[in-house]
Amino acid sequence: MRVKKFVAPTMPEAMNHIRKELGPEAVILNSKEVFKGGILGLFKKRNIEVVAALDPQPKPQKQEKTDVRQSAASETRTSHNPVIINEESNSCGRW
């Protein structure tokens, strides 16, 4: 996982920096307001500090379990065919 800290005057500017460097799949881990500069604690400028991360190789999702459940559910639906009795001709038929 690639983690990087960004400091910008506003959150939209920080987001632009994050998207440029890490891409649109980046995740924000932390953000906070920080003050920089000034003389003896006076005239400090407000900035936003954002910690963002990007996972270069996302873990593959387990498709096998969902496929097995879906196929079992479809088999259950197809194996049960309701029988309807047609009252007019007294014959049996399926859906």
N, C-alpha and C. Protein backbone atom coordinates (compact mmCIF):
# COMPACT_ATOMS: atom_id res chain seq x y z
N MET A 1 0.85 -1.17 0.00
CA MET A 1 0.00 0.00 0.00
C MET A 1 0.90 1.23 0.00
N ARG A 2 0.55 2.17 -0.85
CA ARG A 2 1.32 3.40 -0.98
C ARG A 2 0.60 4.51 -0.23
N VAL A 3 1.24 5.09 0.79
CA VAL A 3 0.63 6.12 1.64
C VAL A 3 1.43 7.41 1.46
N LYS A 4 0.71 8.52 1.31
CA LYS A 4 1.37 9.80 1.12
C LYS A 4 0.58 10.91 1.81
N LYS A 5 1.31 11.94 2.30
CA LYS A 5 0.69 13.07 2.98
C LYS A 5 0.71 14.28 2.04
N PHE A 6 -0.42 14.97 1.95
CA PHE A 6 -0.56 16.15 1.10
C PHE A 6 -0.98 17.32 1.96
N VAL A 7 -0.40 18.51 1.69
CA VAL A 7 -0.78 19.73 2.39
C VAL A 7 -1.16 20.76 1.33
N ALA A 8 -2.35 21.35 1.48
CA ALA A 8 -2.85 22.34 0.53
C ALA A 8 -3.70 23.36 1.28
N PRO A 9 -3.90 24.54 0.67
CA PRO A 9 -4.71 25.56 1.34
C PRO A 9 -6.19 25.18 1.49
N THR A 10 -6.71 24.41 0.54
CA THR A 10 -8.12 24.00 0.60
C THR A 10 -8.25 22.51 0.29
N MET A 11 -9.38 21.94 0.66
CA MET A 11 -9.62 20.52 0.42
C MET A 11 -9.73 20.21 -1.08
N PRO A 12 -10.41 21.04 -1.90
CA PRO A 12 -10.44 20.73 -3.33
C PRO A 12 -9.04 20.70 -3.97
N GLU A 13 -8.17 21.60 -3.55
CA GLU A 13 -6.81 21.59 -4.07
C GLU A 13 -6.06 20.33 -3.63
N ALA A 14 -6.26 19.92 -2.40
CA ALA A 14 -5.63 18.69 -1.91
C ALA A 14 -6.14 17.49 -2.70
N MET A 15 -7.45 17.46 -2.99
CA MET A 15 -8.02 16.36 -3.76
C MET A 15 -7.44 16.32 -5.17
N ASN A 16 -7.23 17.48 -5.79
CA ASN A 16 -6.62 17.52 -7.12
C ASN A 16 -5.21 16.95 -7.10
N HIS A 17 -4.42 17.31 -6.07
CA HIS A 17 -3.06 16.77 -5.93
C HIS A 17 -3.10 15.25 -5.75
N ILE A 18 -4.03 14.77 -4.94
CA ILE A 18 -4.15 13.33 -4.68
C ILE A 18 -4.49 12.59 -5.97
N ARG A 19 -5.47 13.10 -6.71
CA ARG A 19 -5.87 12.44 -7.96
C ARG A 19 -4.75 12.43 -8.99
N LYS A 20 -3.95 13.52 -9.04
CA LYS A 20 -2.84 13.57 -9.99
C LYS A 20 -1.75 12.56 -9.65
N GLU A 21 -1.43 12.44 -8.36
CA GLU A 21 -0.32 11.57 -7.96
C GLU A 21 -0.72 10.12 -7.72
N LEU A 22 -1.89 9.90 -7.13
CA LEU A 22 -2.28 8.53 -6.78
C LEU A 22 -3.38 7.98 -7.69
N GLY A 23 -4.11 8.84 -8.36
CA GLY A 23 -5.16 8.38 -9.25
C GLY A 23 -6.53 8.42 -8.59
N PRO A 24 -7.58 8.11 -9.36
CA PRO A 24 -8.95 8.20 -8.85
C PRO A 24 -9.31 7.11 -7.84
N GLU A 25 -8.51 6.05 -7.75
CA GLU A 25 -8.80 4.95 -6.83
C GLU A 25 -8.21 5.19 -5.43
N ALA A 26 -7.60 6.34 -5.20
CA ALA A 26 -6.98 6.64 -3.91
C ALA A 26 -8.04 6.77 -2.82
N VAL A 27 -7.64 6.43 -1.60
CA VAL A 27 -8.54 6.47 -0.45
C VAL A 27 -7.96 7.44 0.58
N ILE A 28 -8.81 8.31 1.15
CA ILE A 28 -8.36 9.25 2.18
C ILE A 28 -8.39 8.53 3.52
N LEU A 29 -7.25 8.51 4.19
CA LEU A 29 -7.15 7.86 5.49
C LEU A 29 -7.40 8.84 6.63
N ASN A 30 -6.94 10.10 6.46
CA ASN A 30 -7.07 11.08 7.53
C ASN A 30 -6.99 12.47 6.91
N SER A 31 -7.70 13.43 7.51
CA SER A 31 -7.57 14.83 7.11
C SER A 31 -7.71 15.68 8.37
N LYS A 32 -6.92 16.76 8.39
CA LYS A 32 -7.00 17.67 9.54
C LYS A 32 -6.54 19.05 9.13
N GLU A 33 -6.92 20.02 9.92
CA GLU A 33 -6.55 21.41 9.68
C GLU A 33 -5.25 21.68 10.43
N VAL A 34 -4.28 22.26 9.73
CA VAL A 34 -2.99 22.60 10.34
C VAL A 34 -2.69 24.06 10.05
N PHE A 35 -1.87 24.67 10.90
CA PHE A 35 -1.47 26.06 10.71
C PHE A 35 0.03 26.09 10.49
N LYS A 36 0.47 26.84 9.44
CA LYS A 36 1.88 26.91 9.10
C LYS A 36 2.32 28.36 9.01
N GLY A 37 3.60 28.56 9.24
CA GLY A 37 4.19 29.89 9.09
C GLY A 37 3.90 30.78 10.27
N GLY A 38 4.01 32.06 10.03
CA GLY A 38 3.74 33.04 11.07
C GLY A 38 5.00 33.40 11.86
N ILE A 39 4.85 34.42 12.66
CA ILE A 39 5.94 34.90 13.50
C ILE A 39 5.48 34.82 14.95
N LEU A 40 6.20 34.04 15.75
CA LEU A 40 5.89 33.88 17.18
C LEU A 40 4.43 33.50 17.41
N GLY A 41 3.92 32.66 16.55
CA GLY A 41 2.55 32.19 16.71
C GLY A 41 1.51 33.11 16.11
N LEU A 42 1.92 34.20 15.49
CA LEU A 42 0.98 35.14 14.87
C LEU A 42 1.02 35.00 13.36
N PHE A 43 -0.04 35.34 12.71
CA PHE A 43 -0.14 35.36 11.24
C PHE A 43 0.06 33.98 10.60
N LYS A 44 -0.38 32.95 11.27
CA LYS A 44 -0.27 31.60 10.70
C LYS A 44 -1.32 31.42 9.62
N LYS A 45 -0.98 30.65 8.59
CA LYS A 45 -1.91 30.35 7.51
C LYS A 45 -2.54 28.98 7.74
N ARG A 46 -3.83 28.92 7.49
CA ARG A 46 -4.57 27.67 7.65
C ARG A 46 -4.36 26.81 6.42
N ASN A 47 -4.04 25.54 6.62
CA ASN A 47 -3.88 24.56 5.55
C ASN A 47 -4.61 23.29 5.93
N ILE A 48 -4.84 22.46 4.93
CA ILE A 48 -5.46 21.15 5.14
C ILE A 48 -4.39 20.10 4.88
N GLU A 49 -4.24 19.18 5.84
CA GLU A 49 -3.30 18.07 5.68
C GLU A 49 -4.13 16.79 5.46
N VAL A 50 -3.86 16.12 4.36
CA VAL A 50 -4.63 14.93 4.01
C VAL A 50 -3.65 13.77 3.83
N VAL A 51 -3.94 12.65 4.48
CA VAL A 51 -3.17 11.43 4.30
C VAL A 51 -4.02 10.51 3.43
N ALA A 52 -3.45 10.15 2.27
CA ALA A 52 -4.17 9.31 1.30
C ALA A 52 -3.34 8.08 0.97
N ALA A 53 -4.01 7.03 0.52
CA ALA A 53 -3.32 5.78 0.20
C ALA A 53 -3.89 5.18 -1.08
N LEU A 54 -3.07 4.34 -1.70
CA LEU A 54 -3.47 3.62 -2.89
C LEU A 54 -2.92 2.22 -2.80
N ASP A 55 -3.79 1.24 -3.01
CA ASP A 55 -3.38 -0.15 -3.02
C ASP A 55 -3.08 -0.52 -4.46
N PRO A 56 -1.81 -0.72 -4.84
CA PRO A 56 -1.48 -0.96 -6.24
C PRO A 56 -2.04 -2.27 -6.78
N GLN A 57 -2.18 -3.28 -5.95
CA GLN A 57 -2.71 -4.56 -6.38
C GLN A 57 -3.88 -4.94 -5.47
N PRO A 58 -5.10 -4.53 -5.83
CA PRO A 58 -6.23 -4.89 -4.99
C PRO A 58 -6.43 -6.39 -4.94
N LYS A 59 -6.86 -6.88 -3.81
CA LYS A 59 -7.10 -8.31 -3.63
C LYS A 59 -8.28 -8.75 -4.49
N PRO A 60 -8.16 -9.87 -5.19
CA PRO A 60 -9.29 -10.33 -6.00
C PRO A 60 -10.42 -10.81 -5.10
N GLN A 61 -11.63 -10.52 -5.53
CA GLN A 61 -12.79 -10.95 -4.77
C GLN A 61 -13.05 -12.41 -5.03
N LYS A 62 -13.58 -13.08 -4.04
CA LYS A 62 -13.88 -14.51 -4.17
C LYS A 62 -15.19 -14.67 -4.93
N GLN A 63 -15.11 -15.05 -6.18
CA GLN A 63 -16.28 -15.23 -7.02
C GLN A 63 -16.87 -16.63 -6.88
N GLU A 64 -16.06 -17.59 -6.48
CA GLU A 64 -16.51 -18.99 -6.44
C GLU A 64 -17.69 -19.19 -5.50
N LYS A 65 -17.63 -18.61 -4.32
CA LYS A 65 -18.71 -18.82 -3.36
C LYS A 65 -20.01 -18.22 -3.84
N THR A 66 -19.97 -17.04 -4.43
CA THR A 66 -21.21 -16.44 -4.91
C THR A 66 -21.75 -17.20 -6.10
N ASP A 67 -20.85 -17.72 -6.98
CA ASP A 67 -21.31 -18.49 -8.13
C ASP A 67 -22.00 -19.78 -7.69
N VAL A 68 -21.45 -20.44 -6.68
CA VAL A 68 -22.04 -21.68 -6.18
C VAL A 68 -23.42 -21.41 -5.60
N ARG A 69 -23.55 -20.31 -4.85
CA ARG A 69 -24.85 -19.97 -4.27
C ARG A 69 -25.86 -19.65 -5.36
N GLN A 70 -25.44 -18.90 -6.37
CA GLN A 70 -26.35 -18.54 -7.44
C GLN A 70 -26.79 -19.75 -8.24
N SER A 71 -25.85 -20.67 -8.54
CA SER A 71 -26.22 -21.85 -9.30
C SER A 71 -27.13 -22.76 -8.48
N ALA A 72 -26.88 -22.86 -7.17
CA ALA A 72 -27.75 -23.68 -6.32
C ALA A 72 -29.14 -23.07 -6.25
N ALA A 73 -29.21 -21.75 -6.18
CA ALA A 73 -30.52 -21.10 -6.13
C ALA A 73 -31.27 -21.27 -7.43
N SER A 74 -30.57 -21.21 -8.55
CA SER A 74 -31.26 -21.38 -9.83
C SER A 74 -31.72 -22.82 -10.01
N GLU A 75 -30.94 -23.80 -9.52
CA GLU A 75 -31.36 -25.19 -9.59
C GLU A 75 -32.60 -25.42 -8.75
N THR A 76 -32.65 -24.79 -7.59
CA THR A 76 -33.81 -24.94 -6.72
C THR A 76 -35.05 -24.38 -7.40
N ARG A 77 -34.90 -23.24 -8.06
CA ARG A 77 -36.05 -22.63 -8.72
C ARG A 77 -36.52 -23.48 -9.90
N THR A 78 -35.60 -24.05 -10.65
CA THR A 78 -36.01 -24.81 -11.84
C THR A 78 -36.50 -26.20 -11.50
N SER A 79 -36.06 -26.78 -10.38
CA SER A 79 -36.48 -28.14 -10.05
C SER A 79 -37.91 -28.19 -9.53
N HIS A 80 -38.42 -27.09 -9.03
CA HIS A 80 -39.78 -27.06 -8.51
C HIS A 80 -40.68 -26.39 -9.53
N ASN A 81 -41.38 -27.17 -10.29
CA ASN A 81 -42.31 -26.64 -11.28
C ASN A 81 -43.72 -26.86 -10.78
N PRO A 82 -44.42 -25.80 -10.47
CA PRO A 82 -45.78 -25.97 -9.96
C PRO A 82 -46.71 -26.51 -11.03
N VAL A 83 -47.66 -27.33 -10.60
CA VAL A 83 -48.64 -27.93 -11.51
C VAL A 83 -49.94 -27.18 -11.35
N ILE A 84 -50.50 -26.76 -12.45
CA ILE A 84 -51.76 -26.01 -12.43
C ILE A 84 -52.83 -26.87 -13.08
N ILE A 85 -53.94 -26.93 -12.43
CA ILE A 85 -55.06 -27.70 -12.99
C ILE A 85 -55.97 -26.74 -13.72
N ASN A 86 -56.16 -27.02 -14.98
CA ASN A 86 -57.03 -26.20 -15.80
C ASN A 86 -58.46 -26.66 -15.54
N GLU A 87 -59.25 -25.79 -14.97
CA GLU A 87 -60.61 -26.17 -14.56
C GLU A 87 -61.52 -26.45 -15.75
N GLU A 88 -61.28 -25.83 -16.86
CA GLU A 88 -62.17 -26.00 -18.00
C GLU A 88 -62.04 -27.39 -18.63
N SER A 89 -60.81 -27.86 -18.84
CA SER A 89 -60.65 -29.13 -19.54
C SER A 89 -60.24 -30.25 -18.59
N ASN A 90 -60.11 -29.98 -17.30
CA ASN A 90 -59.69 -30.95 -16.30
C ASN A 90 -58.37 -31.65 -16.66
N SER A 91 -57.46 -30.91 -17.28
CA SER A 91 -56.16 -31.47 -17.61
C SER A 91 -55.09 -30.75 -16.79
N CYS A 92 -53.99 -31.42 -16.61
CA CYS A 92 -52.89 -30.84 -15.84
C CYS A 92 -51.91 -30.18 -16.79
N GLY A 93 -51.31 -29.11 -16.34
CA GLY A 93 -50.31 -28.44 -17.17
C GLY A 93 -49.31 -27.71 -16.28
N ARG A 94 -48.26 -27.30 -16.86
CA ARG A 94 -47.24 -26.56 -16.12
C ARG A 94 -47.26 -25.11 -16.55
N TRP A 95 -46.61 -24.28 -15.77
CA TRP A 95 -46.54 -22.86 -16.06
C TRP A 95 -46.14 -22.62 -17.43
